[in-house]
Amino acid sequence: MFGRTASAACLAALLLAPPLAAETAKLPAEVAAFVARLKGCQHWAGEEPYDAARGREIAAAVRKLRCDAIEADEARLRRRHRDDPAVLKALSAAG
């Protein structure tokens, strides 16, 4: 139904929405990128593969965002930033 351009635009809008941008602006870059990635994974996890093409589109987005590694990456960030309450709060709020 939607082409690649429309899907990319929707994903960009989701990832760059003003509230998310404002929340992550004060975070370390790697944490802000992770939060955006997590939001993308959450979005695509809720999508319905109503036909084969849509299933492929969803699978490609999930692969590109590396959603299969999201839990391990969050754990790594939590360890790395264990002394930064703002980071820990942002990670908890994002999940």
PDB file of N, CA and C in Angstrom:
ATOM      1  N   MET A   1       0.823  -1.180   0.000  1.00  0.00           N
ATOM      2  CA  MET A   1       0.000   0.000   0.000  1.00  0.00           C
ATOM      3  C   MET A   1       0.875   1.255   0.000  1.00  0.00           C
ATOM      4  N   PHE A   2       1.815   1.344   0.903  1.00  0.00           N
ATOM      5  CA  PHE A   2       2.737   2.482   0.949  1.00  0.00           C
ATOM      6  C   PHE A   2       4.044   2.085   0.292  1.00  0.00           C
ATOM      7  N   GLY A   3       4.646   3.020  -0.404  1.00  0.00           N
ATOM      8  CA  GLY A   3       5.944   2.758  -1.003  1.00  0.00           C
ATOM      9  C   GLY A   3       7.060   3.005  -0.017  1.00  0.00           C
ATOM     10  N   ARG A   4       8.270   2.778  -0.458  1.00  0.00           N
ATOM     11  CA  ARG A   4       9.424   3.007   0.413  1.00  0.00           C
ATOM     12  C   ARG A   4       9.530   4.444   0.872  1.00  0.00           C
ATOM     13  N   THR A   5       9.239   5.376  -0.020  1.00  0.00           N
ATOM     14  CA  THR A   5       9.351   6.787   0.333  1.00  0.00           C
ATOM     15  C   THR A   5       8.370   7.150   1.428  1.00  0.00           C
ATOM     16  N   ALA A   6       7.135   6.679   1.315  1.00  0.00           N
ATOM     17  CA  ALA A   6       6.132   6.979   2.329  1.00  0.00           C
ATOM     18  C   ALA A   6       6.511   6.341   3.657  1.00  0.00           C
ATOM     19  N   SER A   7       6.988   5.108   3.613  1.00  0.00           N
ATOM     20  CA  SER A   7       7.389   4.429   4.847  1.00  0.00           C
ATOM     21  C   SER A   7       8.565   5.128   5.500  1.00  0.00           C
ATOM     22  N   ALA A   8       9.537   5.528   4.700  1.00  0.00           N
ATOM     23  CA  ALA A   8      10.695   6.240   5.244  1.00  0.00           C
ATOM     24  C   ALA A   8      10.269   7.566   5.847  1.00  0.00           C
ATOM     25  N   ALA A   9       9.340   8.246   5.191  1.00  0.00           N
ATOM     26  CA  ALA A   9       8.852   9.517   5.719  1.00  0.00           C
ATOM     27  C   ALA A   9       8.120   9.313   7.040  1.00  0.00           C
ATOM     28  N   CYS A  10       7.322   8.268   7.120  1.00  0.00           N
ATOM     29  CA  CYS A  10       6.608   7.971   8.370  1.00  0.00           C
ATOM     30  C   CYS A  10       7.594   7.653   9.487  1.00  0.00           C
ATOM     31  N   LEU A  11       8.601   6.857   9.177  1.00  0.00           N
ATOM     32  CA  LEU A  11       9.599   6.510  10.185  1.00  0.00           C
ATOM     33  C   LEU A  11      10.375   7.746  10.617  1.00  0.00           C
ATOM     34  N   ALA A  12      10.748   8.582   9.683  1.00  0.00           N
ATOM     35  CA  ALA A  12      11.472   9.810  10.027  1.00  0.00           C
ATOM     36  C   ALA A  12      10.622  10.709  10.902  1.00  0.00           C
ATOM     37  N   ALA A  13       9.348  10.840  10.572  1.00  0.00           N
ATOM     38  CA  ALA A  13       8.450  11.669  11.374  1.00  0.00           C
ATOM     39  C   ALA A  13       8.334  11.113  12.790  1.00  0.00           C
ATOM     40  N   LEU A  14       8.243   9.799  12.886  1.00  0.00           N
ATOM     41  CA  LEU A  14       8.151   9.161  14.192  1.00  0.00           C
ATOM     42  C   LEU A  14       9.419   9.398  15.011  1.00  0.00           C
ATOM     43  N   LEU A  15      10.556   9.243  14.384  1.00  0.00           N
ATOM     44  CA  LEU A  15      11.829   9.350  15.096  1.00  0.00           C
ATOM     45  C   LEU A  15      12.216  10.783  15.424  1.00  0.00           C
ATOM     46  N   LEU A  16      11.734  11.731  14.643  1.00  0.00           N
ATOM     47  CA  LEU A  16      12.155  13.111  14.823  1.00  0.00           C
ATOM     48  C   LEU A  16      11.044  14.000  15.370  1.00  0.00           C
ATOM     49  N   ALA A  17      10.018  13.412  15.914  1.00  0.00           N
ATOM     50  CA  ALA A  17       8.916  14.191  16.468  1.00  0.00           C
ATOM     51  C   ALA A  17       9.457  15.140  17.535  1.00  0.00           C
ATOM     52  N   PRO A  18       8.952  16.364  17.617  1.00  0.00           N
ATOM     53  CA  PRO A  18       9.476  17.351  18.570  1.00  0.00           C
ATOM     54  C   PRO A  18       9.583  16.868  20.014  1.00  0.00           C
ATOM     55  N   PRO A  19       8.569  16.180  20.579  1.00  0.00           N
ATOM     56  CA  PRO A  19       8.740  15.748  21.976  1.00  0.00           C
ATOM     57  C   PRO A  19       9.928  14.813  22.151  1.00  0.00           C
ATOM     58  N   LEU A  20      10.111  13.893  21.228  1.00  0.00           N
ATOM     59  CA  LEU A  20      11.239  12.974  21.328  1.00  0.00           C
ATOM     60  C   LEU A  20      12.547  13.732  21.159  1.00  0.00           C
ATOM     61  N   ALA A  21      12.599  14.626  20.199  1.00  0.00           N
ATOM     62  CA  ALA A  21      13.814  15.404  19.971  1.00  0.00           C
ATOM     63  C   ALA A  21      14.158  16.240  21.194  1.00  0.00           C
ATOM     64  N   ALA A  22      13.152  16.843  21.818  1.00  0.00           N
ATOM     65  CA  ALA A  22      13.389  17.665  23.004  1.00  0.00           C
ATOM     66  C   ALA A  22      13.867  16.813  24.172  1.00  0.00           C
ATOM     67  N   GLU A  23      13.274  15.644  24.337  1.00  0.00           N
ATOM     68  CA  GLU A  23      13.653  14.756  25.440  1.00  0.00           C
ATOM     69  C   GLU A  23      15.073  14.235  25.286  1.00  0.00           C
ATOM     70  N   THR A  24      15.462  13.927  24.074  1.00  0.00           N
ATOM     71  CA  THR A  24      16.759  13.294  23.861  1.00  0.00           C
ATOM     72  C   THR A  24      17.886  14.288  23.610  1.00  0.00           C
ATOM     73  N   ALA A  25      17.566  15.562  23.444  1.00  0.00           N
ATOM     74  CA  ALA A  25      18.591  16.563  23.132  1.00  0.00           C
ATOM     75  C   ALA A  25      19.656  16.661  24.220  1.00  0.00           C
ATOM     76  N   LYS A  26      19.292  16.383  25.442  1.00  0.00           N
ATOM     77  CA  LYS A  26      20.229  16.527  26.563  1.00  0.00           C
ATOM     78  C   LYS A  26      20.949  15.224  26.903  1.00  0.00           C
ATOM     79  N   LEU A  27      20.647  14.177  26.172  1.00  0.00           N
ATOM     80  CA  LEU A  27      21.246  12.871  26.435  1.00  0.00           C
ATOM     81  C   LEU A  27      22.505  12.683  25.597  1.00  0.00           C
ATOM     82  N   PRO A  28      23.397  11.790  26.047  1.00  0.00           N
ATOM     83  CA  PRO A  28      24.541  11.440  25.194  1.00  0.00           C
ATOM     84  C   PRO A  28      24.024  10.939  23.843  1.00  0.00           C
ATOM     85  N   ALA A  29      24.761  11.201  22.789  1.00  0.00           N
ATOM     86  CA  ALA A  29      24.328  10.857  21.427  1.00  0.00           C
ATOM     87  C   ALA A  29      23.958   9.384  21.284  1.00  0.00           C
ATOM     88  N   GLU A  30      24.754   8.496  21.873  1.00  0.00           N
ATOM     89  CA  GLU A  30      24.467   7.068  21.733  1.00  0.00           C
ATOM     90  C   GLU A  30      23.156   6.693  22.412  1.00  0.00           C
ATOM     91  N   VAL A  31      22.811   7.375  23.495  1.00  0.00           N
ATOM     92  CA  VAL A  31      21.563   7.096  24.200  1.00  0.00           C
ATOM     93  C   VAL A  31      20.386   7.658  23.403  1.00  0.00           C
ATOM     94  N   ALA A  32      20.534   8.860  22.891  1.00  0.00           N
ATOM     95  CA  ALA A  32      19.477   9.457  22.069  1.00  0.00           C
ATOM     96  C   ALA A  32      19.208   8.592  20.842  1.00  0.00           C
ATOM     97  N   ALA A  33      20.257   8.096  20.207  1.00  0.00           N
ATOM     98  CA  ALA A  33      20.094   7.234  19.033  1.00  0.00           C
ATOM     99  C   ALA A  33      19.399   5.934  19.416  1.00  0.00           C
ATOM    100  N   PHE A  34      19.755   5.380  20.576  1.00  0.00           N
ATOM    101  CA  PHE A  34      19.119   4.152  21.031  1.00  0.00           C
ATOM    102  C   PHE A  34      17.627   4.375  21.284  1.00  0.00           C
ATOM    103  N   VAL A  35      17.283   5.467  21.938  1.00  0.00           N
ATOM    104  CA  VAL A  35      15.871   5.762  22.226  1.00  0.00           C
ATOM    105  C   VAL A  35      15.079   5.871  20.924  1.00  0.00           C
ATOM    106  N   ALA A  36      15.632   6.555  19.938  1.00  0.00           N
ATOM    107  CA  ALA A  36      14.965   6.677  18.637  1.00  0.00           C
ATOM    108  C   ALA A  36      14.818   5.302  17.988  1.00  0.00           C
ATOM    109  N   ARG A  37      15.859   4.497  18.078  1.00  0.00           N
ATOM    110  CA  ARG A  37      15.832   3.144  17.510  1.00  0.00           C
ATOM    111  C   ARG A  37      14.788   2.286  18.205  1.00  0.00           C
ATOM    112  N   LEU A  38      14.720   2.386  19.525  1.00  0.00           N
ATOM    113  CA  LEU A  38      13.738   1.630  20.289  1.00  0.00           C
ATOM    114  C   LEU A  38      12.321   2.016  19.881  1.00  0.00           C
ATOM    115  N   LYS A  39      12.076   3.305  19.723  1.00  0.00           N
ATOM    116  CA  LYS A  39      10.752   3.768  19.286  1.00  0.00           C
ATOM    117  C   LYS A  39      10.415   3.191  17.912  1.00  0.00           C
ATOM    118  N   GLY A  40      11.397   3.158  17.036  1.00  0.00           N
ATOM    119  CA  GLY A  40      11.176   2.567  15.718  1.00  0.00           C
ATOM    120  C   GLY A  40      10.844   1.090  15.817  1.00  0.00           C
ATOM    121  N   CYS A  41      11.562   0.371  16.669  1.00  0.00           N
ATOM    122  CA  CYS A  41      11.293  -1.058  16.862  1.00  0.00           C
ATOM    123  C   CYS A  41       9.892  -1.274  17.425  1.00  0.00           C
ATOM    124  N   GLN A  42       9.503  -0.442  18.368  1.00  0.00           N
ATOM    125  CA  GLN A  42       8.160  -0.550  18.938  1.00  0.00           C
ATOM    126  C   GLN A  42       7.105  -0.302  17.867  1.00  0.00           C
ATOM    127  N   HIS A  43       7.357   0.680  17.019  1.00  0.00           N
ATOM    128  CA  HIS A  43       6.421   0.983  15.939  1.00  0.00           C
ATOM    129  C   HIS A  43       6.253  -0.219  15.010  1.00  0.00           C
ATOM    130  N   TRP A  44       7.369  -0.740  14.518  1.00  0.00           N
ATOM    131  CA  TRP A  44       7.291  -1.834  13.552  1.00  0.00           C
ATOM    132  C   TRP A  44       6.771  -3.117  14.179  1.00  0.00           C
ATOM    133  N   ALA A  45       6.987  -3.320  15.467  1.00  0.00           N
ATOM    134  CA  ALA A  45       6.468  -4.518  16.136  1.00  0.00           C
ATOM    135  C   ALA A  45       4.942  -4.526  16.138  1.00  0.00           C
ATOM    136  N   GLY A  46       4.336  -3.358  16.112  1.00  0.00           N
ATOM    137  CA  GLY A  46       2.883  -3.262  16.122  1.00  0.00           C
ATOM    138  C   GLY A  46       2.246  -3.266  14.746  1.00  0.00           C
ATOM    139  N   GLU A  47       3.052  -3.348  13.703  1.00  0.00           N
ATOM    140  CA  GLU A  47       2.512  -3.316  12.341  1.00  0.00           C
ATOM    141  C   GLU A  47       2.023  -4.692  11.914  1.00  0.00           C
ATOM    142  N   GLU A  48       0.986  -4.695  11.128  1.00  0.00           N
ATOM    143  CA  GLU A  48       0.372  -5.934  10.653  1.00  0.00           C
ATOM    144  C   GLU A  48       0.903  -6.288   9.259  1.00  0.00           C
ATOM    145  N   PRO A  49       1.436  -7.492   9.084  1.00  0.00           N
ATOM    146  CA  PRO A  49       1.897  -7.916   7.759  1.00  0.00           C
ATOM    147  C   PRO A  49       0.730  -8.474   6.941  1.00  0.00           C
ATOM    148  N   TYR A  50      -0.109  -7.593   6.444  1.00  0.00           N
ATOM    149  CA  TYR A  50      -1.355  -8.006   5.779  1.00  0.00           C
ATOM    150  C   TYR A  50      -1.134  -8.629   4.408  1.00  0.00           C
ATOM    151  N   ASP A  51       0.050  -8.533   3.876  1.00  0.00           N
ATOM    152  CA  ASP A  51       0.396  -9.257   2.647  1.00  0.00           C
ATOM    153  C   ASP A  51       1.907  -9.482   2.632  1.00  0.00           C
ATOM    154  N   ALA A  52       2.363 -10.216   1.639  1.00  0.00           N
ATOM    155  CA  ALA A  52       3.785 -10.582   1.587  1.00  0.00           C
ATOM    156  C   ALA A  52       4.687  -9.356   1.466  1.00  0.00           C
ATOM    157  N   ALA A  53       4.283  -8.390   0.659  1.00  0.00           N
ATOM    158  CA  ALA A  53       5.110  -7.191   0.485  1.00  0.00           C
ATOM    159  C   ALA A  53       5.223  -6.425   1.798  1.00  0.00           C
ATOM    160  N   ARG A  54       4.125  -6.311   2.518  1.00  0.00           N
ATOM    161  CA  ARG A  54       4.149  -5.605   3.802  1.00  0.00           C
ATOM    162  C   ARG A  54       5.005  -6.384   4.801  1.00  0.00           C
ATOM    163  N   GLY A  55       4.917  -7.684   4.791  1.00  0.00           N
ATOM    164  CA  GLY A  55       5.751  -8.507   5.664  1.00  0.00           C
ATOM    165  C   GLY A  55       7.231  -8.279   5.403  1.00  0.00           C
ATOM    166  N   ARG A  56       7.591  -8.176   4.118  1.00  0.00           N
ATOM    167  CA  ARG A  56       8.990  -7.911   3.769  1.00  0.00           C
ATOM    168  C   ARG A  56       9.411  -6.517   4.219  1.00  0.00           C
ATOM    169  N   GLU A  57       8.519  -5.547   4.059  1.00  0.00           N
ATOM    170  CA  GLU A  57       8.825  -4.174   4.485  1.00  0.00           C
ATOM    171  C   GLU A  57       9.058  -4.108   5.994  1.00  0.00           C
ATOM    172  N   ILE A  58       8.208  -4.775   6.739  1.00  0.00           N
ATOM    173  CA  ILE A  58       8.355  -4.803   8.200  1.00  0.00           C
ATOM    174  C   ILE A  58       9.659  -5.504   8.580  1.00  0.00           C
ATOM    175  N   ALA A  59       9.920  -6.649   7.972  1.00  0.00           N
ATOM    176  CA  ALA A  59      11.143  -7.404   8.280  1.00  0.00           C
ATOM    177  C   ALA A  59      12.385  -6.586   7.954  1.00  0.00           C
ATOM    178  N   ALA A  60      12.364  -5.858   6.852  1.00  0.00           N
ATOM    179  CA  ALA A  60      13.524  -5.031   6.474  1.00  0.00           C
ATOM    180  C   ALA A  60      13.741  -3.908   7.486  1.00  0.00           C
ATOM    181  N   ALA A  61      12.660  -3.286   7.928  1.00  0.00           N
ATOM    182  CA  ALA A  61      12.783  -2.201   8.912  1.00  0.00           C
ATOM    183  C   ALA A  61      13.323  -2.733  10.236  1.00  0.00           C
ATOM    184  N   VAL A  62      12.823  -3.876  10.660  1.00  0.00           N
ATOM    185  CA  VAL A  62      13.268  -4.491  11.914  1.00  0.00           C
ATOM    186  C   VAL A  62      14.740  -4.873  11.826  1.00  0.00           C
ATOM    187  N   ARG A  63      15.149  -5.378  10.668  1.00  0.00           N
ATOM    188  CA  ARG A  63      16.564  -5.726  10.449  1.00  0.00           C
ATOM    189  C   ARG A  63      17.437  -4.472  10.473  1.00  0.00           C
ATOM    190  N   LYS A  64      17.000  -3.432   9.761  1.00  0.00           N
ATOM    191  CA  LYS A  64      17.775  -2.192   9.676  1.00  0.00           C
ATOM    192  C   LYS A  64      17.952  -1.552  11.051  1.00  0.00           C
ATOM    193  N   LEU A  65      16.904  -1.601  11.867  1.00  0.00           N
ATOM    194  CA  LEU A  65      16.961  -1.026  13.215  1.00  0.00           C
ATOM    195  C   LEU A  65      17.668  -1.946  14.218  1.00  0.00           C
ATOM    196  N   ARG A  66      17.999  -3.146  13.790  1.00  0.00           N
ATOM    197  CA  ARG A  66      18.643  -4.144  14.661  1.00  0.00           C
ATOM    198  C   ARG A  66      17.813  -4.399  15.927  1.00  0.00           C
ATOM    199  N   CYS A  67      16.519  -4.589  15.721  1.00  0.00           N
ATOM    200  CA  CYS A  67      15.607  -4.788  16.853  1.00  0.00           C
ATOM    201  C   CYS A  67      15.922  -6.064  17.628  1.00  0.00           C
ATOM    202  N   ASP A  68      16.538  -7.038  16.980  1.00  0.00           N
ATOM    203  CA  ASP A  68      16.888  -8.276  17.668  1.00  0.00           C
ATOM    204  C   ASP A  68      17.947  -8.059  18.746  1.00  0.00           C
ATOM    205  N   ALA A  69      18.672  -6.952  18.688  1.00  0.00           N
ATOM    206  CA  ALA A  69      19.728  -6.670  19.665  1.00  0.00           C
ATOM    207  C   ALA A  69      19.329  -5.577  20.655  1.00  0.00           C
ATOM    208  N   ILE A  70      18.088  -5.163  20.647  1.00  0.00           N
ATOM    209  CA  ILE A  70      17.675  -4.001  21.433  1.00  0.00           C
ATOM    210  C   ILE A  70      17.861  -4.224  22.934  1.00  0.00           C
ATOM    211  N   GLU A  71      17.531  -5.406  23.418  1.00  0.00           N
ATOM    212  CA  GLU A  71      17.659  -5.671  24.860  1.00  0.00           C
ATOM    213  C   GLU A  71      19.122  -5.653  25.307  1.00  0.00           C
ATOM    214  N   ALA A  72      19.978  -6.291  24.543  1.00  0.00           N
ATOM    215  CA  ALA A  72      21.404  -6.314  24.886  1.00  0.00           C
ATOM    216  C   ALA A  72      21.998  -4.912  24.818  1.00  0.00           C
ATOM    217  N   ASP A  73      21.587  -4.147  23.825  1.00  0.00           N
ATOM    218  CA  ASP A  73      22.100  -2.783  23.694  1.00  0.00           C
ATOM    219  C   ASP A  73      21.637  -1.904  24.851  1.00  0.00           C
ATOM    220  N   GLU A  74      20.390  -2.094  25.278  1.00  0.00           N
ATOM    221  CA  GLU A  74      19.907  -1.326  26.430  1.00  0.00           C
ATOM    222  C   GLU A  74      20.687  -1.696  27.686  1.00  0.00           C
ATOM    223  N   ALA A  75      20.916  -2.964  27.891  1.00  0.00           N
ATOM    224  CA  ALA A  75      21.679  -3.401  29.065  1.00  0.00           C
ATOM    225  C   ALA A  75      23.084  -2.794  29.055  1.00  0.00           C
ATOM    226  N   ARG A  76      23.707  -2.755  27.876  1.00  0.00           N
ATOM    227  CA  ARG A  76      25.042  -2.171  27.757  1.00  0.00           C
ATOM    228  C   ARG A  76      25.011  -0.686  28.102  1.00  0.00           C
ATOM    229  N   LEU A  77      24.004   0.028  27.603  1.00  0.00           N
ATOM    230  CA  LEU A  77      23.890   1.459  27.913  1.00  0.00           C
ATOM    231  C   LEU A  77      23.629   1.687  29.399  1.00  0.00           C
ATOM    232  N   ARG A  78      22.806   0.837  29.988  1.00  0.00           N
ATOM    233  CA  ARG A  78      22.528   0.974  31.429  1.00  0.00           C
ATOM    234  C   ARG A  78      23.794   0.761  32.251  1.00  0.00           C
ATOM    235  N   ARG A  79      24.612  -0.190  31.846  1.00  0.00           N
ATOM    236  CA  ARG A  79      25.881  -0.411  32.561  1.00  0.00           C
ATOM    237  C   ARG A  79      26.817   0.783  32.368  1.00  0.00           C
ATOM    238  N   ARG A  80      26.940   1.225  31.134  1.00  0.00           N
ATOM    239  CA  ARG A  80      27.858   2.314  30.809  1.00  0.00           C
ATOM    240  C   ARG A  80      27.467   3.615  31.511  1.00  0.00           C
ATOM    241  N   HIS A  81      26.178   3.864  31.640  1.00  0.00           N
ATOM    242  CA  HIS A  81      25.694   5.129  32.203  1.00  0.00           C
ATOM    243  C   HIS A  81      25.007   4.925  33.560  1.00  0.00           C
ATOM    244  N   ARG A  82      25.461   3.938  34.297  1.00  0.00           N
ATOM    245  CA  ARG A  82      24.816   3.586  35.567  1.00  0.00           C
ATOM    246  C   ARG A  82      24.826   4.719  36.592  1.00  0.00           C
ATOM    247  N   ASP A  83      25.738   5.659  36.442  1.00  0.00           N
ATOM    248  CA  ASP A  83      25.824   6.780  37.388  1.00  0.00           C
ATOM    249  C   ASP A  83      25.152   8.051  36.872  1.00  0.00           C
ATOM    250  N   ASP A  84      24.400   7.930  35.801  1.00  0.00           N
ATOM    251  CA  ASP A  84      23.721   9.087  35.208  1.00  0.00           C
ATOM    252  C   ASP A  84      22.210   8.900  35.300  1.00  0.00           C
ATOM    253  N   PRO A  85      21.580   9.492  36.330  1.00  0.00           N
ATOM    254  CA  PRO A  85      20.136   9.294  36.531  1.00  0.00           C
ATOM    255  C   PRO A  85      19.286   9.747  35.348  1.00  0.00           C
ATOM    256  N   ALA A  86      19.707  10.766  34.635  1.00  0.00           N
ATOM    257  CA  ALA A  86      18.920  11.250  33.478  1.00  0.00           C
ATOM    258  C   ALA A  86      18.890  10.202  32.373  1.00  0.00           C
ATOM    259  N   VAL A  87      20.003   9.534  32.154  1.00  0.00           N
ATOM    260  CA  VAL A  87      20.064   8.484  31.136  1.00  0.00           C
ATOM    261  C   VAL A  87      19.193   7.314  31.560  1.00  0.00           C
ATOM    262  N   LEU A  88      19.335   6.887  32.799  1.00  0.00           N
ATOM    263  CA  LEU A  88      18.546   5.743  33.277  1.00  0.00           C
ATOM    264  C   LEU A  88      17.049   6.051  33.220  1.00  0.00           C
ATOM    265  N   LYS A  89      16.683   7.259  33.557  1.00  0.00           N
ATOM    266  CA  LYS A  89      15.274   7.655  33.484  1.00  0.00           C
ATOM    267  C   LYS A  89      14.777   7.644  32.032  1.00  0.00           C
ATOM    268  N   ALA A  90      15.583   8.155  31.131  1.00  0.00           N
ATOM    269  CA  ALA A  90      15.199   8.185  29.707  1.00  0.00           C
ATOM    270  C   ALA A  90      15.056   6.772  29.164  1.00  0.00           C
ATOM    271  N   LEU A  91      15.945   5.886  29.537  1.00  0.00           N
ATOM    272  CA  LEU A  91      15.848   4.495  29.069  1.00  0.00           C
ATOM    273  C   LEU A  91      14.601   3.819  29.625  1.00  0.00           C
ATOM    274  N   SER A  92      14.297   4.071  30.876  1.00  0.00           N
ATOM    275  CA  SER A  92      13.090   3.485  31.466  1.00  0.00           C
ATOM    276  C   SER A  92      11.823   4.041  30.820  1.00  0.00           C
ATOM    277  N   ALA A  93      11.817   5.337  30.573  1.00  0.00           N
ATOM    278  CA  ALA A  93      10.639   5.967  29.968  1.00  0.00           C
ATOM    279  C   ALA A  93      10.434   5.520  28.531  1.00  0.00           C
ATOM    280  N   ALA A  94      11.506   5.247  27.825  1.00  0.00           N
ATOM    281  CA  ALA A  94      11.407   4.870  26.423  1.00  0.00           C
ATOM    282  C   ALA A  94      10.822   3.461  26.261  1.00  0.00           C
ATOM    283  N   GLY A  95      11.121   2.591  27.222  1.00  0.00           N
ATOM    284  CA  GLY A  95      10.688   1.210  27.118  1.00  0.00           C
ATOM    285  C   GLY A  95       9.293   1.044  27.481  1.00  0.00           C
TER     286      GLY A  95
END
